C-alpha atoms as a PDB file:
ATOM      1  CA  UNK A   1     143.263  -1.578   9.861  1.00  0.00           C
ATOM      2  CA  UNK A   2     146.212   0.854   9.831  1.00  0.00           C
ATOM      3  CA  UNK A   3     146.569   3.954  11.767  1.00  0.00           C
ATOM      4  CA  UNK A   4     147.926   7.187  10.209  1.00  0.00           C
ATOM      5  CA  UNK A   5     150.443   9.812  11.986  1.00  0.00           C
ATOM      6  CA  UNK A   6     150.886  13.299  10.537  1.00  0.00           C
ATOM      7  CA  UNK A   7     153.308  15.255  12.510  1.00  0.00           C
ATOM      8  CA  UNK A   8     154.085  19.028  11.634  1.00  0.00           C
ATOM      9  CA  UNK A   9     156.901  20.413  13.809  1.00  0.00           C
ATOM     10  CA  UNK A  10     155.073  23.745  13.767  1.00  0.00           C
ATOM     11  CA  UNK A  11     152.949  22.622  16.465  1.00  0.00           C
ATOM     12  CA  UNK A  12     155.362  20.893  18.780  1.00  0.00           C
ATOM     13  CA  UNK A  13     156.302  22.512  22.373  1.00  0.00           C
ATOM     14  CA  UNK A  14     158.691  25.084  20.834  1.00  0.00           C
ATOM     15  CA  UNK A  15     159.919  26.621  24.212  1.00  0.00           C
ATOM     16  CA  UNK A  16     161.481  22.708  25.081  1.00  0.00           C
ATOM     17  CA  UNK A  17     162.418  22.120  21.754  1.00  0.00           C
ATOM     18  CA  UNK A  18     163.643  24.758  19.603  1.00  0.00           C
ATOM     19  CA  UNK A  19     165.061  22.491  16.896  1.00  0.00           C
ATOM     20  CA  UNK A  20     162.057  21.226  14.778  1.00  0.00           C
ATOM     21  CA  UNK A  21     164.510  18.107  13.781  1.00  0.00           C
ATOM     22  CA  UNK A  22     164.745  17.039  17.479  1.00  0.00           C
ATOM     23  CA  UNK A  23     161.635  17.074  19.468  1.00  0.00           C
ATOM     24  CA  UNK A  24     159.383  15.085  21.603  1.00  0.00           C
ATOM     25  CA  UNK A  25     155.385  14.941  21.794  1.00  0.00           C
ATOM     26  CA  UNK A  26     154.046  15.569  25.311  1.00  0.00           C
ATOM     27  CA  UNK A  27     151.173  13.608  26.615  1.00  0.00           C
ATOM     28  CA  UNK A  28     148.804  16.433  26.333  1.00  0.00           C
ATOM     29  CA  UNK A  29     149.676  16.684  22.815  1.00  0.00           C
ATOM     30  CA  UNK A  30     148.547  13.282  22.014  1.00  0.00           C
ATOM     31  CA  UNK A  31     145.481  13.132  24.176  1.00  0.00           C
ATOM     32  CA  UNK A  32     143.064  13.266  21.437  1.00  0.00           C
ATOM     33  CA  UNK A  33     144.714  10.100  19.854  1.00  0.00           C
ATOM     34  CA  UNK A  34     142.672   6.802  20.315  1.00  0.00           C
ATOM     35  CA  UNK A  35     144.325   4.458  22.764  1.00  0.00           C
ATOM     36  CA  UNK A  36     143.561   1.621  20.477  1.00  0.00           C
ATOM     37  CA  UNK A  37     143.057   1.347  16.658  1.00  0.00           C
ATOM     38  CA  UNK A  38     140.027   2.879  15.061  1.00  0.00           C
ATOM     39  CA  UNK A  39     137.528   0.464  14.448  1.00  0.00           C
ATOM     40  CA  UNK A  40     135.177   0.210  11.759  1.00  0.00           C
ATOM     41  CA  UNK A  41     132.433  -2.374  11.785  1.00  0.00           C
ATOM     42  CA  UNK A  42     131.170  -3.602   8.375  1.00  0.00           C
ATOM     43  CA  UNK A  43     127.860  -4.379   9.786  1.00  0.00           C
ATOM     44  CA  UNK A  44     125.724  -1.311  10.529  1.00  0.00           C
ATOM     45  CA  UNK A  45     123.795  -1.347  13.692  1.00  0.00           C
ATOM     46  CA  UNK A  46     120.687  -0.448  11.639  1.00  0.00           C
ATOM     47  CA  UNK A  47     119.621  -3.444   9.881  1.00  0.00           C
ATOM     48  CA  UNK A  48     117.800  -1.603   7.017  1.00  0.00           C
ATOM     49  CA  UNK A  49     121.232  -0.134   5.892  1.00  0.00           C
ATOM     50  CA  UNK A  50     123.118  -2.113   3.304  1.00  0.00           C
ATOM     51  CA  UNK A  51     126.772  -2.789   4.630  1.00  0.00           C
ATOM     52  CA  UNK A  52     128.516  -1.916   1.342  1.00  0.00           C
ATOM     53  CA  UNK A  53     126.962   1.739   1.819  1.00  0.00           C
ATOM     54  CA  UNK A  54     127.983   1.980   5.267  1.00  0.00           C
ATOM     55  CA  UNK A  55     131.657   1.231   5.343  1.00  0.00           C
ATOM     56  CA  UNK A  56     134.125   1.984   2.330  1.00  0.00           C
ATOM     57  CA  UNK A  57     137.707   1.890   1.763  1.00  0.00           C
ATOM     58  CA  UNK A  58     138.201   5.793   0.196  1.00  0.00           C
ATOM     59  CA  UNK A  59     141.486   5.989  -2.052  1.00  0.00           C
ATOM     60  CA  UNK A  60     142.105   9.482  -3.212  1.00  0.00           C
ATOM     61  CA  UNK A  61     144.320   8.624  -6.439  1.00  0.00           C
ATOM     62  CA  UNK A  62     144.689  12.360  -7.457  1.00  0.00           C
ATOM     63  CA  UNK A  63     144.179  15.921  -6.752  1.00  0.00           C
ATOM     64  CA  UNK A  64     144.932  19.076  -9.129  1.00  0.00           C
ATOM     65  CA  UNK A  65     144.769  22.632  -8.115  1.00  0.00           C
ATOM     66  CA  UNK A  66     145.192  25.474 -10.125  1.00  0.00           C
ATOM     67  CA  UNK A  67     148.639  27.262 -10.192  1.00  0.00           C
ATOM     68  CA  UNK A  68     148.289  30.634  -8.720  1.00  0.00           C
ATOM     69  CA  UNK A  69     149.375  32.973 -11.948  1.00  0.00           C
ATOM     70  CA  UNK A  70     148.621  36.446 -12.484  1.00  0.00           C
ATOM     71  CA  UNK A  71     146.700  35.685 -15.461  1.00  0.00           C
ATOM     72  CA  UNK A  72     144.227  33.977 -13.351  1.00  0.00           C
ATOM     73  CA  UNK A  73     143.249  37.296 -11.335  1.00  0.00           C
ATOM     74  CA  UNK A  74     143.719  40.000 -14.106  1.00  0.00           C
ATOM     75  CA  UNK A  75     140.252  41.349 -15.372  1.00  0.00           C
ATOM     76  CA  UNK A  76     141.282  41.446 -18.799  1.00  0.00           C
ATOM     77  CA  UNK A  77     144.255  40.537 -21.152  1.00  0.00           C
ATOM     78  CA  UNK A  78     146.040  41.748 -24.382  1.00  0.00           C
ATOM     79  CA  UNK A  79     147.280  39.423 -27.276  1.00  0.00           C
ATOM     80  CA  UNK A  80     150.666  40.744 -28.372  1.00  0.00           C
ATOM     81  CA  UNK A  81     151.319  39.749 -32.139  1.00  0.00           C
ATOM     82  CA  UNK A  82     154.763  41.406 -32.980  1.00  0.00           C
ATOM     83  CA  UNK A  83     157.630  43.587 -31.956  1.00  0.00           C
ATOM     84  CA  UNK A  84     159.745  45.926 -34.004  1.00  0.00           C
ATOM     85  CA  UNK A  85     162.072  48.607 -32.957  1.00  0.00           C
ATOM     86  CA  UNK A  86     161.002  48.311 -28.940  1.00  0.00           C
ATOM     87  CA  UNK A  87     157.239  48.964 -30.240  1.00  0.00           C
ATOM     88  CA  UNK A  88     154.582  46.284 -29.566  1.00  0.00           C
ATOM     89  CA  UNK A  89     151.943  45.673 -32.001  1.00  0.00           C
ATOM     90  CA  UNK A  90     148.349  43.974 -31.581  1.00  0.00           C
ATOM     91  CA  UNK A  91     146.331  42.718 -34.552  1.00  0.00           C
ATOM     92  CA  UNK A  92     143.057  44.086 -33.037  1.00  0.00           C
ATOM     93  CA  UNK A  93     142.804  47.275 -30.957  1.00  0.00           C
ATOM     94  CA  UNK A  94     143.892  46.613 -27.421  1.00  0.00           C
ATOM     95  CA  UNK A  95     142.044  49.227 -25.368  1.00  0.00           C
ATOM     96  CA  UNK A  96     145.167  49.664 -23.396  1.00  0.00           C
ATOM     97  CA  UNK A  97     145.923  53.396 -21.827  1.00  0.00           C
ATOM     98  CA  UNK A  98     149.224  54.722 -20.400  1.00  0.00           C
ATOM     99  CA  UNK A  99     149.877  53.436 -17.037  1.00  0.00           C
ATOM    100  CA  UNK A 100     148.308  50.201 -17.625  1.00  0.00           C
ATOM    101  CA  UNK A 101     150.334  47.161 -16.544  1.00  0.00           C
ATOM    102  CA  UNK A 102     150.939  44.018 -18.470  1.00  0.00           C
ATOM    103  CA  UNK A 103     152.413  40.908 -17.129  1.00  0.00           C
ATOM    104  CA  UNK A 104     153.054  36.876 -18.168  1.00  0.00           C
ATOM    105  CA  UNK A 105     153.838  33.994 -16.203  1.00  0.00           C
ATOM    106  CA  UNK A 106     155.118  32.425 -19.142  1.00  0.00           C
ATOM    107  CA  UNK A 107     158.882  31.802 -19.473  1.00  0.00           C
ATOM    108  CA  UNK A 108     158.804  31.306 -23.288  1.00  0.00           C
ATOM    109  CA  UNK A 109     159.044  35.025 -23.932  1.00  0.00           C
ATOM    110  CA  UNK A 110     162.302  36.038 -22.178  1.00  0.00           C
ATOM    111  CA  UNK A 111     164.204  35.939 -25.673  1.00  0.00           C
ATOM    112  CA  UNK A 112     161.993  38.869 -26.515  1.00  0.00           C
ATOM    113  CA  UNK A 113     162.924  40.312 -23.776  1.00  0.00           C
ATOM    114  CA  UNK A 114     159.723  40.111 -21.514  1.00  0.00           C
ATOM    115  CA  UNK A 115     160.521  38.099 -18.338  1.00  0.00           C
ATOM    116  CA  UNK A 116     157.708  36.265 -16.256  1.00  0.00           C
ATOM    117  CA  UNK A 117     156.174  37.895 -13.183  1.00  0.00           C
ATOM    118  CA  UNK A 118     157.469  41.335 -14.098  1.00  0.00           C
ATOM    119  CA  UNK A 119     155.300  44.527 -14.165  1.00  0.00           C
ATOM    120  CA  UNK A 120     155.685  46.383 -17.613  1.00  0.00           C
ATOM    121  CA  UNK A 121     153.989  49.779 -17.652  1.00  0.00           C
ATOM    122  CA  UNK A 122     152.454  50.674 -20.918  1.00  0.00           C
ATOM    123  CA  UNK A 123     153.556  53.989 -22.384  1.00  0.00           C
ATOM    124  CA  UNK A 124     153.185  55.795 -25.921  1.00  0.00           C
ATOM    125  CA  UNK A 125     150.096  53.845 -26.451  1.00  0.00           C
ATOM    126  CA  UNK A 126     148.028  54.290 -29.944  1.00  0.00           C
ATOM    127  CA  UNK A 127     145.070  51.844 -30.804  1.00  0.00           C
ATOM    128  CA  UNK A 128     147.040  49.052 -31.905  1.00  0.00           C
ATOM    129  CA  UNK A 129     150.774  49.824 -30.454  1.00  0.00           C
ATOM    130  CA  UNK A 130     152.382  50.714 -27.323  1.00  0.00           C
ATOM    131  CA  UNK A 131     155.722  50.486 -25.751  1.00  0.00           C
ATOM    132  CA  UNK A 132     156.882  49.253 -22.149  1.00  0.00           C
ATOM    133  CA  UNK A 133     158.801  50.527 -19.367  1.00  0.00           C
ATOM    134  CA  UNK A 134     159.790  49.041 -15.925  1.00  0.00           C
ATOM    135  CA  UNK A 135     158.701  52.326 -14.331  1.00  0.00           C
ATOM    136  CA  UNK A 136     155.485  54.395 -14.566  1.00  0.00           C
ATOM    137  CA  UNK A 137     156.212  56.981 -17.635  1.00  0.00           C
ATOM    138  CA  UNK A 138     159.723  55.843 -17.569  1.00  0.00           C
ATOM    139  CA  UNK A 139     162.059  54.937 -20.281  1.00  0.00           C
ATOM    140  CA  UNK A 140     161.108  52.391 -23.206  1.00  0.00           C
ATOM    141  CA  UNK A 141     162.472  49.140 -22.442  1.00  0.00           C
ATOM    142  CA  UNK A 142     164.662  47.543 -25.201  1.00  0.00           C
ATOM    143  CA  UNK A 143     162.921  44.751 -26.741  1.00  0.00           C
ATOM    144  CA  UNK A 144     163.880  42.002 -29.447  1.00  0.00           C
ATOM    145  CA  UNK A 145     162.114  42.002 -32.710  1.00  0.00           C
ATOM    146  CA  UNK A 146     159.515  39.143 -33.690  1.00  0.00           C
ATOM    147  CA  UNK A 147     156.596  38.351 -35.258  1.00  0.00           C
ATOM    148  CA  UNK A 148     153.538  35.770 -34.943  1.00  0.00           C
ATOM    149  CA  UNK A 149     154.394  35.975 -30.870  1.00  0.00           C
ATOM    150  CA  UNK A 150     150.979  35.437 -29.866  1.00  0.00           C
ATOM    151  CA  UNK A 151     151.490  36.422 -26.156  1.00  0.00           C
ATOM    152  CA  UNK A 152     148.529  36.524 -24.115  1.00  0.00           C
ATOM    153  CA  UNK A 153     149.337  39.060 -21.506  1.00  0.00           C
ATOM    154  CA  UNK A 154     147.595  39.829 -18.258  1.00  0.00           C
ATOM    155  CA  UNK A 155     146.451  43.249 -18.041  1.00  0.00           C
ATOM    156  CA  UNK A 156     146.190  45.344 -14.851  1.00  0.00           C
ATOM    157  CA  UNK A 157     144.402  48.847 -14.912  1.00  0.00           C
ATOM    158  CA  UNK A 158     145.468  51.311 -12.323  1.00  0.00           C
ATOM    159  CA  UNK A 159     141.873  50.985 -10.645  1.00  0.00           C
ATOM    160  CA  UNK A 160     142.362  47.148 -10.284  1.00  0.00           C
ATOM    161  CA  UNK A 161     146.259  47.071  -9.401  1.00  0.00           C
ATOM    162  CA  UNK A 162     145.947  46.816  -5.559  1.00  0.00           C
ATOM    163  CA  UNK A 163     143.241  44.213  -5.869  1.00  0.00           C
ATOM    164  CA  UNK A 164     144.405  42.321  -8.389  1.00  0.00           C
ATOM    165  CA  UNK A 165     148.226  41.999  -7.207  1.00  0.00           C
ATOM    166  CA  UNK A 166     147.233  41.492  -3.669  1.00  0.00           C
ATOM    167  CA  UNK A 167     144.976  38.568  -4.700  1.00  0.00           C
ATOM    168  CA  UNK A 168     147.761  36.926  -6.553  1.00  0.00           C
ATOM    169  CA  UNK A 169     150.428  37.517  -3.983  1.00  0.00           C
ATOM    170  CA  UNK A 170     148.193  35.846  -1.531  1.00  0.00           C
ATOM    171  CA  UNK A 171     147.355  32.832  -3.551  1.00  0.00           C
ATOM    172  CA  UNK A 172     150.948  32.428  -4.360  1.00  0.00           C
ATOM    173  CA  UNK A 173     151.237  31.184  -0.543  1.00  0.00           C
ATOM    174  CA  UNK A 174     149.727  28.040  -2.334  1.00  0.00           C
ATOM    175  CA  UNK A 175     153.338  27.271  -4.017  1.00  0.00           C
ATOM    176  CA  UNK A 176     154.789  27.403  -0.548  1.00  0.00           C
ATOM    177  CA  UNK A 177     152.711  25.302   1.659  1.00  0.00           C
ATOM    178  CA  UNK A 178     154.619  22.250   2.200  1.00  0.00           C
ATOM    179  CA  UNK A 179     151.485  20.078   1.925  1.00  0.00           C
ATOM    180  CA  UNK A 180     147.756  20.413   2.146  1.00  0.00           C
ATOM    181  CA  UNK A 181     145.012  18.588   3.739  1.00  0.00           C
ATOM    182  CA  UNK A 182     141.379  17.378   2.592  1.00  0.00           C
ATOM    183  CA  UNK A 183     138.261  16.381   4.015  1.00  0.00           C
ATOM    184  CA  UNK A 184     136.178  14.043   1.786  1.00  0.00           C
ATOM    185  CA  UNK A 185     133.209  12.071   2.995  1.00  0.00           C
ATOM    186  CA  UNK A 186     129.515  11.584   2.506  1.00  0.00           C
ATOM    187  CA  UNK A 187     127.272  14.313   4.252  1.00  0.00           C
ATOM    188  CA  UNK A 188     125.603  11.816   6.811  1.00  0.00           C
ATOM    189  CA  UNK A 189     128.835  10.344   8.386  1.00  0.00           C
ATOM    190  CA  UNK A 190     131.724  12.410   9.624  1.00  0.00           C
ATOM    191  CA  UNK A 191     134.411  10.233  10.842  1.00  0.00           C
ATOM    192  CA  UNK A 192     137.042  12.675  12.616  1.00  0.00           C
ATOM    193  CA  UNK A 193     140.708  12.283  13.654  1.00  0.00           C
ATOM    194  CA  UNK A 194     141.427   9.847  10.907  1.00  0.00           C
ATOM    195  CA  UNK A 195     144.776  11.390  11.080  1.00  0.00           C
ATOM    196  CA  UNK A 196     146.536  11.534  14.272  1.00  0.00           C
ATOM    197  CA  UNK A 197     148.072  15.185  14.678  1.00  0.00           C
ATOM    198  CA  UNK A 198     149.794  17.188  17.193  1.00  0.00           C
ATOM    199  CA  UNK A 199     147.439  18.605  19.729  1.00  0.00           C
ATOM    200  CA  UNK A 200     144.564  16.798  17.488  1.00  0.00           C
ATOM    201  CA  UNK A 201     144.693  19.818  15.086  1.00  0.00           C
ATOM    202  CA  UNK A 202     142.806  19.314  11.648  1.00  0.00           C
ATOM    203  CA  UNK A 203     140.185  16.720  13.260  1.00  0.00           C
ATOM    204  CA  UNK A 204     138.042  16.720   9.507  1.00  0.00           C
ATOM    205  CA  UNK A 205     141.128  16.139   7.635  1.00  0.00           C
ATOM    206  CA  UNK A 206     141.187  12.501   5.898  1.00  0.00           C
ATOM    207  CA  UNK A 207     144.064  12.939   3.545  1.00  0.00           C
ATOM    208  CA  UNK A 208     147.577  14.257   3.109  1.00  0.00           C
ATOM    209  CA  UNK A 209     148.616  16.048   0.120  1.00  0.00           C
ATOM    210  CA  UNK A 210     151.926  16.810  -1.236  1.00  0.00           C
ATOM    211  CA  UNK A 211     153.539  18.510  -4.358  1.00  0.00           C
ATOM    212  CA  UNK A 212     154.181  16.149  -6.843  1.00  0.00           C
ATOM    213  CA  UNK A 213     155.240  18.184  -9.753  1.00  0.00           C
ATOM    214  CA  UNK A 214     153.995  21.416 -11.576  1.00  0.00           C
ATOM    215  CA  UNK A 215     152.626  21.002 -14.963  1.00  0.00           C
ATOM    216  CA  UNK A 216     153.950  23.733 -17.681  1.00  0.00           C
ATOM    217  CA  UNK A 217     152.348  24.223 -20.884  1.00  0.00           C
ATOM    218  CA  UNK A 218     154.113  24.857 -24.254  1.00  0.00           C
ATOM    219  CA  UNK A 219     155.007  28.380 -23.477  1.00  0.00           C
ATOM    220  CA  UNK A 220     156.703  27.717 -20.082  1.00  0.00           C
ATOM    221  CA  UNK A 221     153.597  28.821 -18.286  1.00  0.00           C
ATOM    222  CA  UNK A 222     152.960  26.978 -14.941  1.00  0.00           C
ATOM    223  CA  UNK A 223     149.079  25.691 -15.238  1.00  0.00           C
ATOM    224  CA  UNK A 224     148.498  23.069 -12.615  1.00  0.00           C
ATOM    225  CA  UNK A 225     149.711  21.846  -9.278  1.00  0.00           C
ATOM    226  CA  UNK A 226     149.505  18.145  -9.101  1.00  0.00           C
ATOM    227  CA  UNK A 227     149.735  16.589  -5.595  1.00  0.00           C
ATOM    228  CA  UNK A 228     150.588  13.047  -4.359  1.00  0.00           C
ATOM    229  CA  UNK A 229     147.947  11.767  -2.124  1.00  0.00           C
ATOM    230  CA  UNK A 230     148.347   9.694   1.338  1.00  0.00           C
ATOM    231  CA  UNK A 231     146.772   7.332   2.826  1.00  0.00           C
ATOM    232  CA  UNK A 232     143.903   5.313   2.060  1.00  0.00           C
ATOM    233  CA  UNK A 233     141.231   5.481   4.808  1.00  0.00           C
ATOM    234  CA  UNK A 234     138.530   2.965   5.738  1.00  0.00           C
ATOM    235  CA  UNK A 235     135.518   5.086   7.146  1.00  0.00           C
ATOM    236  CA  UNK A 236     131.742   5.070   6.512  1.00  0.00           C
ATOM    237  CA  UNK A 237     130.649   6.262   3.321  1.00  0.00           C
ATOM    238  CA  UNK A 238     127.077   6.477   1.986  1.00  0.00           C
ATOM    239  CA  UNK A 239     127.349   6.107  -1.875  1.00  0.00           C
ATOM    240  CA  UNK A 240     123.864   8.063  -2.631  1.00  0.00           C
ATOM    241  CA  UNK A 241     124.372  10.930  -0.361  1.00  0.00           C
ATOM    242  CA  UNK A 242     125.804  14.446  -0.635  1.00  0.00           C
ATOM    243  CA  UNK A 243     129.386  14.417  -0.879  1.00  0.00           C
ATOM    244  CA  UNK A 244     131.407  17.010   0.715  1.00  0.00           C
ATOM    245  CA  UNK A 245     135.072  18.262  -0.389  1.00  0.00           C
ATOM    246  CA  UNK A 246     137.306  20.974   1.462  1.00  0.00           C
ATOM    247  CA  UNK A 247     140.893  21.383   0.782  1.00  0.00           C
ATOM    248  CA  UNK A 248     142.617  23.236   3.934  1.00  0.00           C
ATOM    249  CA  UNK A 249     145.918  24.580   4.834  1.00  0.00           C
ATOM    250  CA  UNK A 250     147.802  23.410   8.064  1.00  0.00           C
ATOM    251  CA  UNK A 251     145.962  25.514  10.299  1.00  0.00           C
ATOM    252  CA  UNK A 252     142.435  24.132   8.926  1.00  0.00           C
ATOM    253  CA  UNK A 253     141.713  27.269   6.572  1.00  0.00           C
ATOM    254  CA  UNK A 254     139.869  26.266   3.668  1.00  0.00           C
ATOM    255  CA  UNK A 255     141.768  27.173   0.640  1.00  0.00           C
ATOM    256  CA  UNK A 256     140.155  30.496  -0.543  1.00  0.00           C
ATOM    257  CA  UNK A 257     142.428  31.503  -3.259  1.00  0.00           C
ATOM    258  CA  UNK A 258     140.158  30.540  -6.529  1.00  0.00           C
ATOM    259  CA  UNK A 259     136.764  31.638  -5.340  1.00  0.00           C
ATOM    260  CA  UNK A 260     133.961  32.709  -8.152  1.00  0.00           C
ATOM    261  CA  UNK A 261     131.088  34.666  -6.248  1.00  0.00           C
ATOM    262  CA  UNK A 262     130.019  36.515  -9.418  1.00  0.00           C
ATOM    263  CA  UNK A 263     127.535  34.300 -11.398  1.00  0.00           C
ATOM    264  CA  UNK A 264     127.700  36.615 -13.985  1.00  0.00           C
ATOM    265  CA  UNK A 265     130.991  35.993 -15.058  1.00  0.00           C
ATOM    266  CA  UNK A 266     131.411  32.486 -16.994  1.00  0.00           C
ATOM    267  CA  UNK A 267     132.940  29.640 -14.867  1.00  0.00           C
ATOM    268  CA  UNK A 268     137.162  29.592 -15.465  1.00  0.00           C
ATOM    269  CA  UNK A 269     138.023  26.323 -16.213  1.00  0.00           C
ATOM    270  CA  UNK A 270     141.469  26.912 -15.361  1.00  0.00           C
ATOM    271  CA  UNK A 271     140.489  27.888 -11.804  1.00  0.00           C
ATOM    272  CA  UNK A 272     139.068  24.645 -10.745  1.00  0.00           C
ATOM    273  CA  UNK A 273     140.002  21.624  -8.604  1.00  0.00           C
ATOM    274  CA  UNK A 274     140.160  18.124  -9.824  1.00  0.00           C
ATOM    275  CA  UNK A 275     139.761  14.981  -7.792  1.00  0.00           C
ATOM    276  CA  UNK A 276     139.977  11.370  -8.776  1.00  0.00           C
ATOM    277  CA  UNK A 277     138.568   8.908  -5.867  1.00  0.00           C
ATOM    278  CA  UNK A 278     138.534   5.231  -5.852  1.00  0.00           C
ATOM    279  CA  UNK A 279     135.761   4.266  -3.626  1.00  0.00           C
ATOM    280  CA  UNK A 280     135.851   0.315  -2.810  1.00  0.00           C
ATOM    281  CA  UNK A 281     133.601  -1.653  -0.554  1.00  0.00           C
ATOM    282  CA  UNK A 282     135.442  -2.593   2.766  1.00  0.00           C
ATOM    283  CA  UNK A 283     133.529  -5.880   2.834  1.00  0.00           C
ATOM    284  CA  UNK A 284     134.463  -7.376  -0.518  1.00  0.00           C
ATOM    285  CA  UNK A 285     132.152  -9.537  -2.668  1.00  0.00           C
ATOM    286  CA  UNK A 286     133.639 -12.529  -4.586  1.00  0.00           C
ATOM    287  CA  UNK A 287     132.845 -10.848  -8.013  1.00  0.00           C
ATOM    288  CA  UNK A 288     134.655  -7.541  -7.447  1.00  0.00           C
ATOM    289  CA  UNK A 289     131.983  -5.753  -9.735  1.00  0.00           C
ATOM    290  CA  UNK A 290     131.240  -2.866  -7.268  1.00  0.00           C
ATOM    291  CA  UNK A 291     134.793  -0.992  -7.206  1.00  0.00           C
ATOM    292  CA  UNK A 292     134.580   1.889  -8.988  1.00  0.00           C
ATOM    293  CA  UNK A 293     136.868   5.232  -9.567  1.00  0.00           C
ATOM    294  CA  UNK A 294     134.703   8.406  -9.983  1.00  0.00           C
ATOM    295  CA  UNK A 295     136.282  11.685 -11.404  1.00  0.00           C
ATOM    296  CA  UNK A 296     135.246  14.684  -9.667  1.00  0.00           C
ATOM    297  CA  UNK A 297     135.217  18.326 -11.185  1.00  0.00           C
END
C-alpha cells in the first residue's frame, strides 16, 4: 500500500532554511511518521464484523466548493433591465435608497460600464430608476445604453455594509489557498496520519485538494471552484455508519465561509459543497458487484 507525504514549506525550520525552495526536514519534524508502512488488515479482530465493511479503498473523485462572490453574502438583489442616458431602470420597484451599494461579480456587463467587484453607490433614486456613482453622493458615472440587460446585482445597505463586505473579503481567501485538505471517514473509525506532514500537522486529513478550474456562467460570473483530489486511501470504513466530512485549511481550520445558521432562511443551493466518492472493498470479490460511486451533497 502506498504512503503519501504532503510537504508544506510554511512548516519548515525557517531560521535554518529561509528559502522555501531549499530546506531539510529535521528528525523532530518527522517524528510522528510511522517507520514502517501503514498496515490495514482486511480481516477484523471481531469475527462478527464483515471484512468488506471493515477495510475499504476510498477514492475521492471530485470536490466542488462555491466560488466566494459578493452575491452569496449580500442580503438582497436588484435586477437591472435597461440603461438610458446614464439612468438605470428596473421593471419592478427596486426598493433602493440613495446611499445603497450595488455590486456584481460578472464580467459580461463591462461593456455597459459596470465592472466586476466595484462598489457603485446609488444616487437620484426613484421607485424604478436610479443613477450610480463611484463615491457616496458623488457625480453620476457614464454608462452605455442598453435594454434587456437582466443584470442581477447584489444590494448592500449602509446598515449591512460592514458585515457583508467583511464576510466576502474573508471568504475570498479561499481562492488564494494553494490547497485544502479533507477528512472523510465513517464515524466509528478514525484512522489518523494518513498523510505524512511536517511536524505531524493535519493528523485527521485524508486527502489533498488542489484547484483544478473555476467554473464560469454565461455572464462571466465565477460560480464554482473545482478541485483535483489526491491520493486514494485504504482505511477502515463502515458503510452503514455515520459519515464525517470536514474540509479544512492548511492549519486545520474548518472552512467557515458558507455557514447557514438561520434555519428561517431557505438553503442556498449555490453555497453548498459537492463531493463524489468511490468506495471499493479492499478485499475484492470475483464479481466486482459491490463497487459503487456515491455522490454527496
